[in-house]
Amino acid sequence: AGRMAGSDATMLEQVDTFFHAPAGHLKLRQFAHDRGELIYYERPDQPGPKLSEYSITPSNHPRSLCETLAQALGISGEVRKRRWLFIAREGGAHTRIHFDEVKGLGRFIELEVVLAPGQDPEEGGKIAERFCTALDIRDEDLIDCAYVDLLTAHGCGP
């Protein structure tokens, strides 16, 4: 991954608190007491490359935002992880390679191909396949849902 990215990894400690939402996933990612992101995303639960639509709003007050959202929506789950992040550039996109150590689940590799504006999602799928081959990630290794779903046993899995 370091060779593909041309640099060393950045290590991130993350706490993702998920809230009940009528569709998709709504989570608050906390990096520190004064730094976080509110993230809403929709992504199909299926193995292999999938298109994810998302929006991110930074916050300098993630703890109080978490308390407010918990009161309004209720908490549906929490994911604590240590992430080693590599960023590789290829084919007009950049690919975030995540080596995740998830509390209560174990270790995972996640690939996130961030498409350039107007770039075809099919091209992103091909980029993901090339990275899977280079990192020896096989189809049988893939999971079809989010970490929070695995932790809360919503019927998803390998």
C-alpha atoms as a PDB file:
ATOM      1  CA  ALA A   1       0.000   0.000   0.000  1.00  0.00           C
ATOM      2  CA  GLY A   2       2.875   2.345   0.785  1.00  0.00           C
ATOM      3  CA  ARG A   3       4.410   1.674  -2.630  1.00  0.00           C
ATOM      4  CA  MET A   4       1.093   2.340  -4.384  1.00  0.00           C
ATOM      5  CA  ALA A   5       0.585   5.553  -2.432  1.00  0.00           C
ATOM      6  CA  GLY A   6       4.203   6.643  -2.645  1.00  0.00           C
ATOM      7  CA  SER A   7       4.161   7.569   1.057  1.00  0.00           C
ATOM      8  CA  ASP A   8       3.756   6.243   4.569  1.00  0.00           C
ATOM      9  CA  ALA A   9       0.395   5.829   6.267  1.00  0.00           C
ATOM     10  CA  THR A  10      -1.295   8.360   8.500  1.00  0.00           C
ATOM     11  CA  MET A  11      -2.690   6.802  11.691  1.00  0.00           C
ATOM     12  CA  LEU A  12      -6.125   7.999  12.836  1.00  0.00           C
ATOM     13  CA  GLU A  13      -8.091   7.144  15.980  1.00  0.00           C
ATOM     14  CA  GLN A  14     -11.796   7.360  15.175  1.00  0.00           C
ATOM     15  CA  VAL A  15     -15.048   6.968  17.083  1.00  0.00           C
ATOM     16  CA  ASP A  16     -18.106   6.762  14.845  1.00  0.00           C
ATOM     17  CA  THR A  17     -21.467   7.197  16.570  1.00  0.00           C
ATOM     18  CA  PHE A  18     -24.412   6.160  14.414  1.00  0.00           C
ATOM     19  CA  PHE A  19     -27.883   7.642  14.774  1.00  0.00           C
ATOM     20  CA  HIS A  20     -31.274   6.328  13.733  1.00  0.00           C
ATOM     21  CA  ALA A  21     -32.047   7.660  10.263  1.00  0.00           C
ATOM     22  CA  PRO A  22     -35.004   6.922   7.985  1.00  0.00           C
ATOM     23  CA  ALA A  23     -32.623   6.055   5.119  1.00  0.00           C
ATOM     24  CA  GLY A  24     -28.905   5.455   4.740  1.00  0.00           C
ATOM     25  CA  HIS A  25     -26.430   5.935   7.577  1.00  0.00           C
ATOM     26  CA  LEU A  26     -25.918   9.063   9.679  1.00  0.00           C
ATOM     27  CA  LYS A  27     -22.788   9.097  11.794  1.00  0.00           C
ATOM     28  CA  LEU A  28     -20.666  11.507  13.742  1.00  0.00           C
ATOM     29  CA  ARG A  29     -16.969  10.730  13.390  1.00  0.00           C
ATOM     30  CA  GLN A  30     -14.878  12.092  16.259  1.00  0.00           C
ATOM     31  CA  PHE A  31     -11.123  12.469  15.841  1.00  0.00           C
ATOM     32  CA  ALA A  32     -10.534  14.616  18.938  1.00  0.00           C
ATOM     33  CA  HIS A  33     -12.558  16.606  21.477  1.00  0.00           C
ATOM     34  CA  ASP A  34     -12.577  19.588  19.088  1.00  0.00           C
ATOM     35  CA  ARG A  35     -12.593  17.893  15.677  1.00  0.00           C
ATOM     36  CA  GLY A  36     -15.209  15.749  14.012  1.00  0.00           C
ATOM     37  CA  GLU A  37     -17.388  15.260  10.958  1.00  0.00           C
ATOM     38  CA  LEU A  38     -21.084  14.607  10.578  1.00  0.00           C
ATOM     39  CA  ILE A  39     -21.409  12.152   7.681  1.00  0.00           C
ATOM     40  CA  TYR A  40     -24.530  10.971   5.894  1.00  0.00           C
ATOM     41  CA  TYR A  41     -24.138   8.220   3.319  1.00  0.00           C
ATOM     42  CA  GLU A  42     -26.148   5.813   1.248  1.00  0.00           C
ATOM     43  CA  ARG A  43     -24.496   2.667  -0.040  1.00  0.00           C
ATOM     44  CA  PRO A  44     -26.041  -0.655  -1.078  1.00  0.00           C
ATOM     45  CA  ASP A  45     -25.344  -3.700   1.094  1.00  0.00           C
ATOM     46  CA  GLN A  46     -23.624  -5.937  -1.444  1.00  0.00           C
ATOM     47  CA  PRO A  47     -20.150  -7.415  -1.753  1.00  0.00           C
ATOM     48  CA  GLY A  48     -17.664  -5.859  -4.145  1.00  0.00           C
ATOM     49  CA  PRO A  49     -17.372  -2.333  -5.498  1.00  0.00           C
ATOM     50  CA  LYS A  50     -20.417  -0.161  -4.827  1.00  0.00           C
ATOM     51  CA  LEU A  51     -21.306   3.456  -5.419  1.00  0.00           C
ATOM     52  CA  SER A  52     -21.637   5.532  -2.255  1.00  0.00           C
ATOM     53  CA  GLU A  53     -23.364   8.911  -2.134  1.00  0.00           C
ATOM     54  CA  TYR A  54     -22.336  10.994   0.866  1.00  0.00           C
ATOM     55  CA  SER A  55     -22.128  14.433   2.395  1.00  0.00           C
ATOM     56  CA  ILE A  56     -19.745  15.586   5.131  1.00  0.00           C
ATOM     57  CA  THR A  57     -20.065  18.547   7.492  1.00  0.00           C
ATOM     58  CA  PRO A  58     -17.036  19.343   9.696  1.00  0.00           C
ATOM     59  CA  SER A  59     -17.587  20.210  13.363  1.00  0.00           C
ATOM     60  CA  ASN A  60     -15.396  21.870  15.981  1.00  0.00           C
ATOM     61  CA  HIS A  61     -17.848  20.724  18.703  1.00  0.00           C
ATOM     62  CA  PRO A  62     -18.387  17.002  18.049  1.00  0.00           C
ATOM     63  CA  ARG A  63     -19.223  16.041  21.662  1.00  0.00           C
ATOM     64  CA  SER A  64     -22.073  18.512  22.046  1.00  0.00           C
ATOM     65  CA  LEU A  65     -23.265  17.715  18.513  1.00  0.00           C
ATOM     66  CA  CYS A  66     -23.299  14.026  19.459  1.00  0.00           C
ATOM     67  CA  GLU A  67     -25.388  14.755  22.562  1.00  0.00           C
ATOM     68  CA  THR A  68     -27.893  16.806  20.556  1.00  0.00           C
ATOM     69  CA  LEU A  69     -28.242  14.174  17.831  1.00  0.00           C
ATOM     70  CA  ALA A  70     -28.583  11.410  20.439  1.00  0.00           C
ATOM     71  CA  GLN A  71     -31.441  13.297  22.113  1.00  0.00           C
ATOM     72  CA  ALA A  72     -33.188  13.972  18.805  1.00  0.00           C
ATOM     73  CA  LEU A  73     -32.631  10.688  16.941  1.00  0.00           C
ATOM     74  CA  GLY A  74     -31.249   8.087  19.340  1.00  0.00           C
ATOM     75  CA  ILE A  75     -28.001   6.164  18.936  1.00  0.00           C
ATOM     76  CA  SER A  76     -28.097   3.008  16.821  1.00  0.00           C
ATOM     77  CA  GLY A  77     -24.471   1.952  17.290  1.00  0.00           C
ATOM     78  CA  GLU A  78     -20.853   2.900  17.778  1.00  0.00           C
ATOM     79  CA  VAL A  79     -17.661   1.891  15.991  1.00  0.00           C
ATOM     80  CA  ARG A  80     -14.236   2.502  17.521  1.00  0.00           C
ATOM     81  CA  LYS A  81     -11.293   2.017  15.237  1.00  0.00           C
ATOM     82  CA  ARG A  82      -7.673   2.729  14.597  1.00  0.00           C
ATOM     83  CA  ARG A  83      -7.113   3.440  10.905  1.00  0.00           C
ATOM     84  CA  TRP A  84      -3.881   3.532   8.922  1.00  0.00           C
ATOM     85  CA  LEU A  85      -4.617   5.610   5.826  1.00  0.00           C
ATOM     86  CA  PHE A  86      -2.726   5.572   2.531  1.00  0.00           C
ATOM     87  CA  ILE A  87      -3.817   7.738  -0.421  1.00  0.00           C
ATOM     88  CA  ALA A  88      -2.901   6.583  -3.926  1.00  0.00           C
ATOM     89  CA  ARG A  89      -3.644   8.428  -7.170  1.00  0.00           C
ATOM     90  CA  GLU A  90      -4.519   6.598 -10.351  1.00  0.00           C
ATOM     91  CA  GLY A  91      -6.675   7.191 -13.409  1.00  0.00           C
ATOM     92  CA  GLY A  92      -7.907  10.653 -12.399  1.00  0.00           C
ATOM     93  CA  ALA A  93      -9.256   9.360  -9.072  1.00  0.00           C
ATOM     94  CA  HIS A  94      -7.628   9.012  -5.710  1.00  0.00           C
ATOM     95  CA  THR A  95      -7.983   5.843  -3.716  1.00  0.00           C
ATOM     96  CA  ARG A  96      -8.023   5.822   0.051  1.00  0.00           C
ATOM     97  CA  ILE A  97      -6.577   2.546   1.334  1.00  0.00           C
ATOM     98  CA  HIS A  98      -7.698   1.945   4.916  1.00  0.00           C
ATOM     99  CA  PHE A  99      -6.124  -0.645   7.185  1.00  0.00           C
ATOM    100  CA  ASP A 100      -8.658  -0.707  10.025  1.00  0.00           C
ATOM    101  CA  GLU A 101      -8.431  -2.279  13.463  1.00  0.00           C
ATOM    102  CA  VAL A 102     -12.064  -2.280  14.648  1.00  0.00           C
ATOM    103  CA  LYS A 103     -12.789  -2.844  18.337  1.00  0.00           C
ATOM    104  CA  GLY A 104     -14.876  -5.986  18.738  1.00  0.00           C
ATOM    105  CA  LEU A 105     -14.473  -7.103  15.105  1.00  0.00           C
ATOM    106  CA  GLY A 106     -10.822  -7.375  14.119  1.00  0.00           C
ATOM    107  CA  ARG A 107      -8.757  -6.145  11.208  1.00  0.00           C
ATOM    108  CA  PHE A 108      -9.975  -5.089   7.783  1.00  0.00           C
ATOM    109  CA  ILE A 109      -8.814  -3.459   4.567  1.00  0.00           C
ATOM    110  CA  GLU A 110     -11.181  -0.984   2.947  1.00  0.00           C
ATOM    111  CA  LEU A 111     -10.710   0.654  -0.438  1.00  0.00           C
ATOM    112  CA  GLU A 112     -12.453   3.919  -1.219  1.00  0.00           C
ATOM    113  CA  VAL A 113     -12.041   5.139  -4.788  1.00  0.00           C
ATOM    114  CA  VAL A 114     -12.992   8.833  -4.832  1.00  0.00           C
ATOM    115  CA  LEU A 115     -14.030   9.652  -8.375  1.00  0.00           C
ATOM    116  CA  ALA A 116     -13.155  12.911 -10.074  1.00  0.00           C
ATOM    117  CA  PRO A 117     -16.163  15.053 -11.104  1.00  0.00           C
ATOM    118  CA  GLY A 118     -17.817  13.466 -14.133  1.00  0.00           C
ATOM    119  CA  GLN A 119     -15.769  10.276 -13.858  1.00  0.00           C
ATOM    120  CA  ASP A 120     -17.672   7.088 -14.739  1.00  0.00           C
ATOM    121  CA  PRO A 121     -18.418   4.811 -11.730  1.00  0.00           C
ATOM    122  CA  GLU A 122     -17.507   1.821 -13.911  1.00  0.00           C
ATOM    123  CA  GLU A 123     -13.975   3.213 -14.165  1.00  0.00           C
ATOM    124  CA  GLY A 124     -13.891   3.446 -10.361  1.00  0.00           C
ATOM    125  CA  GLY A 125     -14.856  -0.219 -10.172  1.00  0.00           C
ATOM    126  CA  LYS A 126     -11.951  -1.137 -12.446  1.00  0.00           C
ATOM    127  CA  ILE A 127      -9.558   0.898 -10.296  1.00  0.00           C
ATOM    128  CA  ALA A 128     -10.848  -0.906  -7.184  1.00  0.00           C
ATOM    129  CA  GLU A 129     -10.334  -4.282  -8.887  1.00  0.00           C
ATOM    130  CA  ARG A 130      -6.713  -3.400  -9.723  1.00  0.00           C
ATOM    131  CA  PHE A 131      -6.065  -2.437  -6.090  1.00  0.00           C
ATOM    132  CA  CYS A 132      -7.746  -5.644  -4.871  1.00  0.00           C
ATOM    133  CA  THR A 133      -5.446  -7.675  -7.117  1.00  0.00           C
ATOM    134  CA  ALA A 134      -2.344  -5.780  -5.953  1.00  0.00           C
ATOM    135  CA  LEU A 135      -3.320  -6.222  -2.264  1.00  0.00           C
ATOM    136  CA  ASP A 136      -4.394  -9.873  -2.712  1.00  0.00           C
ATOM    137  CA  ILE A 137      -8.006  -9.174  -1.700  1.00  0.00           C
ATOM    138  CA  ARG A 138     -10.203 -11.992  -3.023  1.00  0.00           C
ATOM    139  CA  ASP A 139     -13.967 -12.039  -3.604  1.00  0.00           C
ATOM    140  CA  GLU A 140     -14.444 -14.405  -0.644  1.00  0.00           C
ATOM    141  CA  ASP A 141     -12.753 -11.817   1.618  1.00  0.00           C
ATOM    142  CA  LEU A 142     -15.394  -9.163   0.913  1.00  0.00           C
ATOM    143  CA  ILE A 143     -18.147  -8.158   3.313  1.00  0.00           C
ATOM    144  CA  ASP A 144     -21.449  -6.677   2.229  1.00  0.00           C
ATOM    145  CA  CYS A 145     -22.212  -4.104   4.928  1.00  0.00           C
ATOM    146  CA  ALA A 146     -20.826  -1.445   7.261  1.00  0.00           C
ATOM    147  CA  TYR A 147     -18.833  -2.192  10.430  1.00  0.00           C
ATOM    148  CA  VAL A 148     -21.735  -0.930  12.538  1.00  0.00           C
ATOM    149  CA  ASP A 149     -24.002  -3.528  10.904  1.00  0.00           C
ATOM    150  CA  LEU A 150     -21.537  -6.290  11.749  1.00  0.00           C
ATOM    151  CA  LEU A 151     -21.339  -5.058  15.339  1.00  0.00           C
ATOM    152  CA  THR A 152     -25.103  -4.811  15.779  1.00  0.00           C
ATOM    153  CA  ALA A 153     -25.771  -8.129  13.968  1.00  0.00           C
ATOM    154  CA  HIS A 154     -28.213  -6.896  11.359  1.00  0.00           C
ATOM    155  CA  GLY A 155     -27.758 -10.043   9.330  1.00  0.00           C
ATOM    156  CA  CYS A 156     -24.809  -8.853   7.267  1.00  0.00           C
ATOM    157  CA  GLY A 157     -21.534 -10.651   7.042  1.00  0.00           C
ATOM    158  CA  PRO A 158     -18.833 -12.338   5.029  1.00  0.00           C
END
